[in-house]
């Protein structure tokens, strides 16, 4: 579960293994290294297998000396995609877009301000991991990863009411703003 401070996140790190998406909401991009280390440790502990390779874009957060030396020390092959060619990460790019669209839809439908974007993105990731997928026929990515049958008892949203208070600060234009206005 993510421990979030409402409205302070600026970016998100999505890590995918066997179709299961693990999302980390970041307050600064330099947190990628520590979140990757957390994710790698959790994956290796839960599966008993080592992470052998990763594929990332050429962003500075993935090409820092600290990150590269950690991968070398751990024996992880780091495959970098060519800049400005999103087709090399086709599945991940599509998943990113799907999750952002889900989060945007939640925010617009609930009439919540866009600074709840981190929470909406976290919820979208949670729901996507528990939704059927063609890649793992007859089960969800969560079931394929954990080997346990999915319990959906807690997914009811009909009686949920939310109250929030906030101090009015500078409004940020973010990717989760509605694409169009409804009048």
N, C-alpha and C. Protein backbone atom coordinates (compact mmCIF):
# COMPACT_ATOMS: atom_id res chain seq x y z
N UNK A 1 0.84 -1.18 0.00
CA UNK A 1 0.00 0.00 0.00
C UNK A 1 0.89 1.24 0.00
N UNK A 2 0.49 2.22 -0.73
CA UNK A 2 1.27 3.44 -0.83
C UNK A 2 0.89 4.41 0.29
N UNK A 3 1.89 5.01 0.87
CA UNK A 3 1.66 6.04 1.87
C UNK A 3 1.81 7.38 1.17
N UNK A 4 0.70 8.06 0.94
CA UNK A 4 0.70 9.25 0.10
C UNK A 4 0.38 10.50 0.89
N UNK A 5 0.98 11.59 0.49
CA UNK A 5 0.58 12.90 0.97
C UNK A 5 -0.19 13.54 -0.18
N UNK A 6 -1.42 13.86 0.07
CA UNK A 6 -2.31 14.33 -0.99
C UNK A 6 -1.75 15.57 -1.67
N UNK A 7 -1.68 15.49 -2.98
CA UNK A 7 -1.37 16.66 -3.78
C UNK A 7 0.10 17.00 -3.93
N UNK A 8 1.00 16.26 -3.30
CA UNK A 8 2.41 16.62 -3.37
C UNK A 8 3.18 15.84 -4.43
N UNK A 9 2.59 14.83 -5.02
CA UNK A 9 3.32 14.02 -5.98
C UNK A 9 3.45 14.73 -7.31
N UNK A 10 4.55 14.48 -7.98
CA UNK A 10 4.78 15.11 -9.26
C UNK A 10 4.95 14.10 -10.38
N UNK A 11 5.31 12.87 -10.05
CA UNK A 11 5.47 11.85 -11.09
C UNK A 11 5.21 10.48 -10.51
N UNK A 12 5.24 9.50 -11.39
CA UNK A 12 4.90 8.14 -11.00
C UNK A 12 5.88 7.19 -11.65
N UNK A 13 6.25 6.14 -10.95
CA UNK A 13 7.12 5.10 -11.48
C UNK A 13 6.30 3.83 -11.55
N UNK A 14 6.15 3.27 -12.75
CA UNK A 14 5.43 2.02 -12.92
C UNK A 14 6.42 0.94 -13.31
N UNK A 15 6.44 -0.12 -12.52
CA UNK A 15 7.32 -1.26 -12.78
C UNK A 15 6.43 -2.46 -13.07
N UNK A 16 6.72 -3.18 -14.15
CA UNK A 16 5.88 -4.29 -14.57
C UNK A 16 6.70 -5.57 -14.61
N UNK A 17 6.15 -6.61 -14.03
CA UNK A 17 6.75 -7.94 -14.14
C UNK A 17 5.61 -8.94 -14.25
N UNK A 18 5.66 -9.79 -15.26
CA UNK A 18 4.61 -10.77 -15.52
C UNK A 18 3.23 -10.14 -15.51
N UNK A 19 3.08 -9.02 -16.16
CA UNK A 19 1.82 -8.30 -16.32
C UNK A 19 1.30 -7.66 -15.05
N UNK A 20 1.98 -7.81 -13.93
CA UNK A 20 1.56 -7.16 -12.69
C UNK A 20 2.26 -5.82 -12.60
N UNK A 21 1.48 -4.78 -12.39
CA UNK A 21 2.02 -3.42 -12.36
C UNK A 21 2.20 -3.01 -10.90
N UNK A 22 3.34 -2.50 -10.60
CA UNK A 22 3.61 -1.95 -9.28
C UNK A 22 3.84 -0.47 -9.46
N UNK A 23 3.01 0.34 -8.84
CA UNK A 23 3.11 1.79 -9.02
C UNK A 23 3.64 2.48 -7.78
N UNK A 24 4.56 3.37 -7.99
CA UNK A 24 5.10 4.20 -6.91
C UNK A 24 4.87 5.65 -7.27
N UNK A 25 4.25 6.38 -6.39
CA UNK A 25 4.06 7.80 -6.59
C UNK A 25 5.28 8.51 -6.03
N UNK A 26 5.90 9.33 -6.85
CA UNK A 26 7.15 10.00 -6.47
C UNK A 26 6.91 11.48 -6.26
N UNK A 27 7.59 12.01 -5.28
CA UNK A 27 7.54 13.45 -5.05
C UNK A 27 8.67 14.15 -5.79
N UNK A 28 9.74 13.39 -6.05
CA UNK A 28 10.87 13.89 -6.82
C UNK A 28 11.39 12.74 -7.68
N UNK A 29 11.89 13.05 -8.85
CA UNK A 29 12.37 11.99 -9.74
C UNK A 29 13.61 11.29 -9.20
N UNK A 30 14.35 11.95 -8.29
CA UNK A 30 15.53 11.29 -7.76
C UNK A 30 15.17 10.17 -6.78
N UNK A 31 13.89 9.92 -6.54
CA UNK A 31 13.45 8.80 -5.72
C UNK A 31 13.38 7.49 -6.49
N UNK A 32 13.59 7.53 -7.79
CA UNK A 32 13.50 6.33 -8.61
C UNK A 32 14.45 5.25 -8.12
N UNK A 33 15.68 5.63 -7.80
CA UNK A 33 16.68 4.66 -7.37
C UNK A 33 16.23 3.91 -6.12
N UNK A 34 15.79 4.62 -5.09
CA UNK A 34 15.38 3.96 -3.85
C UNK A 34 14.12 3.12 -4.05
N UNK A 35 13.18 3.59 -4.87
CA UNK A 35 11.97 2.82 -5.12
C UNK A 35 12.27 1.56 -5.93
N UNK A 36 13.20 1.67 -6.88
CA UNK A 36 13.60 0.49 -7.64
C UNK A 36 14.23 -0.55 -6.72
N UNK A 37 15.07 -0.11 -5.80
CA UNK A 37 15.71 -1.04 -4.85
C UNK A 37 14.65 -1.74 -3.99
N UNK A 38 13.66 -0.98 -3.52
CA UNK A 38 12.56 -1.57 -2.74
C UNK A 38 11.82 -2.61 -3.57
N UNK A 39 11.48 -2.24 -4.82
CA UNK A 39 10.74 -3.14 -5.70
C UNK A 39 11.53 -4.40 -5.97
N UNK A 40 12.81 -4.26 -6.29
CA UNK A 40 13.67 -5.41 -6.61
C UNK A 40 13.76 -6.36 -5.42
N UNK A 41 13.95 -5.81 -4.22
CA UNK A 41 14.02 -6.65 -3.03
C UNK A 41 12.71 -7.39 -2.79
N UNK A 42 11.59 -6.70 -2.96
CA UNK A 42 10.28 -7.34 -2.75
C UNK A 42 10.03 -8.44 -3.77
N UNK A 43 10.35 -8.18 -5.03
CA UNK A 43 10.15 -9.18 -6.09
C UNK A 43 11.03 -10.40 -5.84
N UNK A 44 12.28 -10.18 -5.53
CA UNK A 44 13.19 -11.31 -5.31
C UNK A 44 12.80 -12.11 -4.07
N UNK A 45 12.32 -11.44 -3.05
CA UNK A 45 11.90 -12.15 -1.84
C UNK A 45 10.65 -12.98 -2.08
N UNK A 46 9.68 -12.40 -2.81
CA UNK A 46 8.42 -13.11 -3.01
C UNK A 46 8.52 -14.24 -4.03
N UNK A 47 9.44 -14.13 -4.98
CA UNK A 47 9.53 -15.18 -6.01
C UNK A 47 10.68 -16.15 -5.79
N UNK A 48 11.69 -15.73 -5.05
CA UNK A 48 12.88 -16.57 -4.89
C UNK A 48 13.77 -16.54 -6.12
N UNK A 49 13.49 -15.64 -7.05
CA UNK A 49 14.28 -15.50 -8.27
C UNK A 49 14.93 -14.13 -8.31
N UNK A 50 16.00 -14.03 -9.08
CA UNK A 50 16.73 -12.77 -9.22
C UNK A 50 16.21 -11.99 -10.43
N UNK A 51 16.20 -10.68 -10.32
CA UNK A 51 15.89 -9.82 -11.46
C UNK A 51 17.15 -9.82 -12.32
N UNK A 52 17.00 -10.23 -13.58
CA UNK A 52 18.17 -10.37 -14.47
C UNK A 52 18.35 -9.20 -15.41
N UNK A 53 17.25 -8.56 -15.81
CA UNK A 53 17.34 -7.48 -16.79
C UNK A 53 16.18 -6.51 -16.61
N UNK A 54 16.43 -5.26 -16.95
CA UNK A 54 15.37 -4.25 -16.97
C UNK A 54 15.50 -3.45 -18.25
N UNK A 55 14.39 -2.88 -18.68
CA UNK A 55 14.40 -1.99 -19.84
C UNK A 55 13.80 -0.66 -19.41
N UNK A 56 14.53 0.41 -19.66
CA UNK A 56 14.05 1.74 -19.30
C UNK A 56 14.31 2.70 -20.46
N UNK A 57 13.73 3.89 -20.33
CA UNK A 57 14.08 4.93 -21.28
C UNK A 57 15.41 5.54 -20.84
N UNK A 58 15.84 6.56 -21.53
CA UNK A 58 17.16 7.14 -21.24
C UNK A 58 17.07 8.36 -20.32
N UNK A 59 16.04 8.40 -19.50
CA UNK A 59 15.89 9.51 -18.56
C UNK A 59 17.03 9.52 -17.55
N UNK A 60 17.35 10.69 -17.06
CA UNK A 60 18.46 10.84 -16.11
C UNK A 60 18.25 10.02 -14.85
N UNK A 61 17.01 9.82 -14.45
CA UNK A 61 16.76 9.05 -13.24
C UNK A 61 17.18 7.58 -13.38
N UNK A 62 17.24 7.09 -14.64
CA UNK A 62 17.64 5.70 -14.88
C UNK A 62 19.09 5.56 -15.31
N UNK A 63 19.75 6.66 -15.63
CA UNK A 63 21.12 6.59 -16.12
C UNK A 63 22.12 7.24 -15.17
N UNK A 64 21.72 7.51 -13.95
CA UNK A 64 22.64 8.12 -12.99
C UNK A 64 23.75 7.12 -12.64
N UNK A 65 24.85 7.62 -12.18
CA UNK A 65 25.97 6.75 -11.78
C UNK A 65 25.56 5.80 -10.67
N UNK A 66 24.82 6.33 -9.72
CA UNK A 66 24.37 5.52 -8.58
C UNK A 66 23.52 4.34 -9.05
N UNK A 67 22.55 4.61 -9.93
CA UNK A 67 21.66 3.57 -10.44
C UNK A 67 22.44 2.55 -11.27
N UNK A 68 23.29 3.04 -12.16
CA UNK A 68 24.07 2.15 -13.03
C UNK A 68 25.03 1.28 -12.21
N UNK A 69 25.69 1.86 -11.21
CA UNK A 69 26.62 1.06 -10.41
C UNK A 69 25.88 0.01 -9.58
N UNK A 70 24.69 0.35 -9.10
CA UNK A 70 23.88 -0.62 -8.37
C UNK A 70 23.51 -1.80 -9.28
N UNK A 71 23.06 -1.49 -10.51
CA UNK A 71 22.69 -2.57 -11.43
C UNK A 71 23.89 -3.45 -11.76
N UNK A 72 25.05 -2.84 -11.96
CA UNK A 72 26.26 -3.60 -12.26
C UNK A 72 26.63 -4.50 -11.08
N UNK A 73 26.59 -3.95 -9.89
CA UNK A 73 26.92 -4.73 -8.68
C UNK A 73 25.97 -5.90 -8.50
N UNK A 74 24.69 -5.69 -8.79
CA UNK A 74 23.68 -6.73 -8.63
C UNK A 74 23.62 -7.69 -9.81
N UNK A 75 24.37 -7.40 -10.89
CA UNK A 75 24.38 -8.27 -12.06
C UNK A 75 23.12 -8.16 -12.91
N UNK A 76 22.49 -7.00 -12.92
CA UNK A 76 21.27 -6.76 -13.69
C UNK A 76 21.65 -6.09 -15.01
N UNK A 77 21.22 -6.68 -16.12
CA UNK A 77 21.47 -6.10 -17.44
C UNK A 77 20.49 -4.95 -17.65
N UNK A 78 21.02 -3.79 -18.03
CA UNK A 78 20.19 -2.60 -18.21
C UNK A 78 20.07 -2.29 -19.70
N UNK A 79 18.89 -2.51 -20.24
CA UNK A 79 18.61 -2.26 -21.65
C UNK A 79 17.95 -0.89 -21.77
N UNK A 80 18.60 0.02 -22.49
CA UNK A 80 18.06 1.37 -22.68
C UNK A 80 17.39 1.46 -24.05
N UNK A 81 16.23 2.09 -24.08
CA UNK A 81 15.55 2.28 -25.36
C UNK A 81 16.12 3.53 -26.04
N UNK A 82 15.91 3.61 -27.32
CA UNK A 82 16.36 4.76 -28.09
C UNK A 82 15.48 5.95 -27.76
N UNK A 83 16.05 7.13 -27.52
CA UNK A 83 15.24 8.30 -27.17
C UNK A 83 14.19 8.63 -28.24
N UNK A 84 13.03 9.04 -27.78
CA UNK A 84 11.92 9.47 -28.63
C UNK A 84 11.38 8.40 -29.56
N UNK A 85 11.57 7.14 -29.20
CA UNK A 85 11.01 6.02 -29.96
C UNK A 85 10.17 5.19 -28.99
N UNK A 86 8.94 5.62 -28.68
CA UNK A 86 8.13 4.90 -27.69
C UNK A 86 7.72 3.50 -28.14
N UNK A 87 7.85 3.20 -29.43
CA UNK A 87 7.46 1.88 -29.92
C UNK A 87 8.30 0.77 -29.29
N UNK A 88 9.52 1.08 -28.84
CA UNK A 88 10.35 0.06 -28.21
C UNK A 88 9.77 -0.41 -26.89
N UNK A 89 9.00 0.42 -26.25
CA UNK A 89 8.33 0.08 -25.00
C UNK A 89 6.83 0.06 -25.23
N UNK A 90 6.41 -0.51 -26.34
CA UNK A 90 5.02 -0.44 -26.75
C UNK A 90 4.01 -0.86 -25.69
N UNK A 91 4.23 -2.02 -25.06
CA UNK A 91 3.28 -2.53 -24.08
C UNK A 91 3.24 -1.60 -22.87
N UNK A 92 4.39 -1.18 -22.39
CA UNK A 92 4.44 -0.31 -21.21
C UNK A 92 3.85 1.07 -21.52
N UNK A 93 4.16 1.60 -22.70
CA UNK A 93 3.60 2.91 -23.06
C UNK A 93 2.08 2.86 -23.14
N UNK A 94 1.55 1.77 -23.69
CA UNK A 94 0.10 1.62 -23.77
C UNK A 94 -0.50 1.47 -22.37
N UNK A 95 0.19 0.72 -21.51
CA UNK A 95 -0.31 0.55 -20.15
C UNK A 95 -0.30 1.89 -19.40
N UNK A 96 0.75 2.68 -19.59
CA UNK A 96 0.80 4.00 -18.97
C UNK A 96 -0.41 4.84 -19.41
N UNK A 97 -0.67 4.82 -20.70
CA UNK A 97 -1.80 5.60 -21.22
C UNK A 97 -3.13 5.09 -20.66
N UNK A 98 -3.28 3.77 -20.60
CA UNK A 98 -4.50 3.18 -20.06
C UNK A 98 -4.72 3.60 -18.61
N UNK A 99 -3.65 3.55 -17.81
CA UNK A 99 -3.78 3.91 -16.40
C UNK A 99 -4.09 5.40 -16.21
N UNK A 100 -3.46 6.24 -17.02
CA UNK A 100 -3.74 7.68 -16.93
C UNK A 100 -5.18 7.96 -17.34
N UNK A 101 -5.67 7.29 -18.38
CA UNK A 101 -7.06 7.48 -18.81
C UNK A 101 -8.03 7.00 -17.72
N UNK A 102 -7.71 5.88 -17.07
CA UNK A 102 -8.56 5.40 -15.98
C UNK A 102 -8.60 6.41 -14.84
N UNK A 103 -7.43 6.91 -14.47
CA UNK A 103 -7.35 7.88 -13.37
C UNK A 103 -8.09 9.16 -13.72
N UNK A 104 -7.92 9.63 -14.95
CA UNK A 104 -8.62 10.84 -15.39
C UNK A 104 -10.14 10.63 -15.33
N UNK A 105 -10.60 9.48 -15.78
CA UNK A 105 -12.04 9.19 -15.75
C UNK A 105 -12.57 9.18 -14.32
N UNK A 106 -11.80 8.60 -13.39
CA UNK A 106 -12.23 8.58 -11.99
C UNK A 106 -12.35 9.99 -11.43
N UNK A 107 -11.36 10.82 -11.73
CA UNK A 107 -11.37 12.18 -11.20
C UNK A 107 -12.52 13.00 -11.79
N UNK A 108 -12.73 12.89 -13.09
CA UNK A 108 -13.80 13.66 -13.73
C UNK A 108 -15.16 13.18 -13.23
N UNK A 109 -15.35 11.87 -13.14
CA UNK A 109 -16.63 11.32 -12.71
C UNK A 109 -16.94 11.66 -11.25
N UNK A 110 -15.91 11.68 -10.40
CA UNK A 110 -16.14 11.97 -8.99
C UNK A 110 -16.11 13.46 -8.68
N UNK A 111 -15.75 14.27 -9.68
CA UNK A 111 -15.64 15.73 -9.53
C UNK A 111 -14.61 16.14 -8.48
N UNK A 112 -13.58 15.33 -8.33
CA UNK A 112 -12.49 15.66 -7.42
C UNK A 112 -11.45 16.50 -8.17
N UNK A 113 -10.74 17.38 -7.47
CA UNK A 113 -9.70 18.18 -8.13
C UNK A 113 -8.53 17.30 -8.55
N UNK A 114 -7.74 17.80 -9.48
CA UNK A 114 -6.67 16.97 -10.06
C UNK A 114 -5.53 16.68 -9.09
N UNK A 115 -5.47 17.36 -7.93
CA UNK A 115 -4.38 17.01 -7.03
C UNK A 115 -4.61 15.67 -6.33
N UNK A 116 -5.77 15.04 -6.56
CA UNK A 116 -5.99 13.67 -6.12
C UNK A 116 -5.50 12.68 -7.17
N UNK A 117 -4.73 13.16 -8.13
CA UNK A 117 -4.25 12.31 -9.22
C UNK A 117 -3.44 11.12 -8.76
N UNK A 118 -2.59 11.30 -7.76
CA UNK A 118 -1.77 10.18 -7.26
C UNK A 118 -2.65 9.07 -6.71
N UNK A 119 -3.67 9.43 -5.97
CA UNK A 119 -4.58 8.44 -5.42
C UNK A 119 -5.37 7.76 -6.53
N UNK A 120 -5.80 8.52 -7.52
CA UNK A 120 -6.55 7.95 -8.64
C UNK A 120 -5.66 6.99 -9.43
N UNK A 121 -4.40 7.36 -9.64
CA UNK A 121 -3.48 6.49 -10.37
C UNK A 121 -3.18 5.22 -9.58
N UNK A 122 -3.05 5.33 -8.29
CA UNK A 122 -2.84 4.17 -7.43
C UNK A 122 -4.05 3.23 -7.50
N UNK A 123 -5.25 3.79 -7.48
CA UNK A 123 -6.47 2.99 -7.58
C UNK A 123 -6.58 2.34 -8.95
N UNK A 124 -6.24 3.06 -10.00
CA UNK A 124 -6.28 2.50 -11.36
C UNK A 124 -5.32 1.32 -11.48
N UNK A 125 -4.14 1.43 -10.90
CA UNK A 125 -3.16 0.34 -10.92
C UNK A 125 -3.71 -0.87 -10.17
N UNK A 126 -4.27 -0.64 -9.01
CA UNK A 126 -4.86 -1.71 -8.20
C UNK A 126 -5.94 -2.44 -8.99
N UNK A 127 -6.84 -1.67 -9.62
CA UNK A 127 -7.94 -2.28 -10.37
C UNK A 127 -7.44 -3.01 -11.62
N UNK A 128 -6.43 -2.47 -12.29
CA UNK A 128 -5.91 -3.10 -13.49
C UNK A 128 -5.28 -4.46 -13.18
N UNK A 129 -4.61 -4.55 -12.04
CA UNK A 129 -4.02 -5.82 -11.63
C UNK A 129 -5.07 -6.87 -11.29
N UNK A 130 -6.27 -6.42 -11.03
CA UNK A 130 -7.35 -7.33 -10.65
C UNK A 130 -8.42 -7.46 -11.73
N UNK A 131 -8.09 -7.03 -12.94
CA UNK A 131 -9.00 -7.14 -14.07
C UNK A 131 -8.53 -8.25 -15.00
N UNK A 132 -9.47 -8.92 -15.69
CA UNK A 132 -9.08 -9.99 -16.61
C UNK A 132 -8.13 -9.49 -17.71
N UNK A 133 -7.24 -10.37 -18.13
CA UNK A 133 -6.28 -10.04 -19.18
C UNK A 133 -6.16 -11.20 -20.15
N UNK A 134 -6.10 -10.92 -21.44
CA UNK A 134 -5.93 -11.96 -22.44
C UNK A 134 -4.60 -12.69 -22.29
N UNK A 135 -3.59 -11.99 -21.80
CA UNK A 135 -2.25 -12.57 -21.70
C UNK A 135 -2.19 -13.72 -20.69
N UNK A 136 -3.04 -13.71 -19.69
CA UNK A 136 -3.11 -14.80 -18.72
C UNK A 136 -4.55 -15.31 -18.71
N UNK A 137 -4.88 -16.11 -19.70
CA UNK A 137 -6.26 -16.55 -19.93
C UNK A 137 -6.85 -17.20 -18.68
N UNK A 138 -8.08 -16.78 -18.37
CA UNK A 138 -8.82 -17.39 -17.27
C UNK A 138 -8.46 -16.86 -15.89
N UNK A 139 -7.58 -15.88 -15.82
CA UNK A 139 -7.23 -15.31 -14.52
C UNK A 139 -6.81 -13.86 -14.67
N UNK A 140 -6.54 -13.24 -13.57
CA UNK A 140 -6.09 -11.85 -13.57
C UNK A 140 -4.57 -11.82 -13.37
N UNK A 141 -3.91 -10.70 -13.67
CA UNK A 141 -2.47 -10.61 -13.39
C UNK A 141 -2.14 -10.87 -11.92
N UNK A 142 -3.00 -10.41 -11.02
CA UNK A 142 -2.79 -10.65 -9.59
C UNK A 142 -2.77 -12.15 -9.29
N UNK A 143 -3.73 -12.89 -9.85
CA UNK A 143 -3.80 -14.34 -9.62
C UNK A 143 -2.61 -15.05 -10.22
N UNK A 144 -2.17 -14.61 -11.41
CA UNK A 144 -1.01 -15.22 -12.05
C UNK A 144 0.25 -15.00 -11.22
N UNK A 145 0.37 -13.84 -10.62
CA UNK A 145 1.55 -13.51 -9.83
C UNK A 145 1.55 -14.21 -8.48
N UNK A 146 0.42 -14.12 -7.77
CA UNK A 146 0.39 -14.62 -6.39
C UNK A 146 0.03 -16.09 -6.28
N UNK A 147 -0.65 -16.64 -7.30
CA UNK A 147 -1.08 -18.02 -7.23
C UNK A 147 -2.32 -18.21 -6.35
N UNK A 148 -2.91 -17.11 -5.89
CA UNK A 148 -4.09 -17.17 -5.04
C UNK A 148 -5.31 -16.67 -5.81
N UNK A 149 -6.46 -17.23 -5.47
CA UNK A 149 -7.72 -16.78 -6.08
C UNK A 149 -8.04 -15.39 -5.58
N UNK A 150 -8.51 -14.55 -6.48
CA UNK A 150 -8.81 -13.16 -6.16
C UNK A 150 -10.10 -13.05 -5.37
N UNK A 151 -10.06 -12.28 -4.28
CA UNK A 151 -11.25 -11.98 -3.48
C UNK A 151 -11.67 -10.56 -3.83
N UNK A 152 -12.88 -10.38 -4.31
CA UNK A 152 -13.34 -9.06 -4.75
C UNK A 152 -14.39 -8.48 -3.81
N UNK A 153 -14.48 -8.99 -2.61
CA UNK A 153 -15.48 -8.51 -1.66
C UNK A 153 -15.33 -7.03 -1.35
N UNK A 154 -14.11 -6.54 -1.27
CA UNK A 154 -13.87 -5.16 -0.85
C UNK A 154 -13.86 -4.14 -1.96
N UNK A 155 -14.34 -4.49 -3.14
CA UNK A 155 -14.28 -3.54 -4.26
C UNK A 155 -15.56 -2.75 -4.46
N UNK A 156 -16.49 -2.79 -3.53
CA UNK A 156 -17.74 -2.05 -3.68
C UNK A 156 -17.54 -0.57 -3.41
N UNK A 157 -18.04 0.28 -4.31
CA UNK A 157 -17.87 1.71 -4.18
C UNK A 157 -19.20 2.44 -4.05
N UNK A 158 -20.30 1.72 -3.95
CA UNK A 158 -21.60 2.38 -4.02
C UNK A 158 -21.89 3.29 -2.82
N UNK A 159 -21.44 2.94 -1.63
CA UNK A 159 -21.76 3.72 -0.44
C UNK A 159 -20.59 4.56 0.06
N UNK A 160 -19.58 4.74 -0.76
CA UNK A 160 -18.40 5.47 -0.32
C UNK A 160 -18.65 6.97 -0.41
N UNK A 161 -18.35 7.67 0.67
CA UNK A 161 -18.45 9.13 0.67
C UNK A 161 -17.09 9.66 1.07
N UNK A 162 -16.69 10.72 0.46
CA UNK A 162 -15.37 11.28 0.69
C UNK A 162 -15.50 12.74 1.07
N UNK A 163 -14.77 13.11 2.11
CA UNK A 163 -14.68 14.51 2.49
C UNK A 163 -13.22 14.90 2.44
N UNK A 164 -12.94 16.05 1.96
CA UNK A 164 -11.56 16.52 1.96
C UNK A 164 -11.54 18.01 2.20
N UNK A 165 -10.45 18.42 2.81
CA UNK A 165 -10.22 19.85 2.99
C UNK A 165 -8.83 20.14 2.47
N UNK A 166 -8.64 21.31 1.98
CA UNK A 166 -7.33 21.68 1.47
C UNK A 166 -7.16 23.18 1.53
N UNK A 167 -5.90 23.56 1.55
CA UNK A 167 -5.60 24.98 1.47
C UNK A 167 -5.42 25.32 0.01
N UNK A 168 -5.98 26.41 -0.40
CA UNK A 168 -5.88 26.81 -1.80
C UNK A 168 -4.46 27.25 -2.09
N UNK A 169 -3.82 26.52 -2.94
CA UNK A 169 -2.46 26.87 -3.37
C UNK A 169 -2.48 27.04 -4.86
N UNK A 170 -1.34 27.30 -5.39
CA UNK A 170 -1.19 27.45 -6.83
C UNK A 170 -1.68 26.16 -7.52
N UNK A 171 -2.64 26.31 -8.44
CA UNK A 171 -3.15 25.17 -9.18
C UNK A 171 -2.12 24.69 -10.19
N UNK A 172 -1.84 23.40 -10.18
CA UNK A 172 -0.90 22.83 -11.13
C UNK A 172 -1.65 22.26 -12.32
N UNK A 173 -1.15 22.52 -13.48
CA UNK A 173 -1.70 21.86 -14.66
C UNK A 173 -1.04 20.50 -14.73
N UNK A 174 -1.84 19.46 -14.75
CA UNK A 174 -1.28 18.13 -14.71
C UNK A 174 -1.92 17.27 -15.77
N UNK A 175 -1.36 16.10 -16.02
CA UNK A 175 -1.86 15.24 -17.08
C UNK A 175 -3.24 14.70 -16.79
N UNK A 176 -3.74 14.84 -15.57
CA UNK A 176 -5.04 14.28 -15.25
C UNK A 176 -6.17 15.30 -15.31
N UNK A 177 -5.89 16.48 -15.82
CA UNK A 177 -6.97 17.43 -16.06
C UNK A 177 -7.91 16.87 -17.12
N UNK A 178 -9.19 17.20 -17.07
CA UNK A 178 -10.10 16.71 -18.10
C UNK A 178 -9.66 17.16 -19.49
N UNK A 179 -9.91 16.30 -20.47
CA UNK A 179 -9.53 16.65 -21.85
C UNK A 179 -10.49 17.67 -22.44
N UNK A 180 -11.73 17.65 -21.99
CA UNK A 180 -12.69 18.61 -22.51
C UNK A 180 -13.67 18.97 -21.39
N UNK A 181 -14.37 20.06 -21.57
CA UNK A 181 -15.32 20.51 -20.56
C UNK A 181 -16.73 20.11 -20.99
N UNK A 182 -17.54 19.74 -20.02
CA UNK A 182 -18.94 19.39 -20.28
C UNK A 182 -19.81 20.51 -19.78
N UNK A 183 -20.67 21.05 -20.60
CA UNK A 183 -21.53 22.16 -20.19
C UNK A 183 -22.95 21.72 -20.12
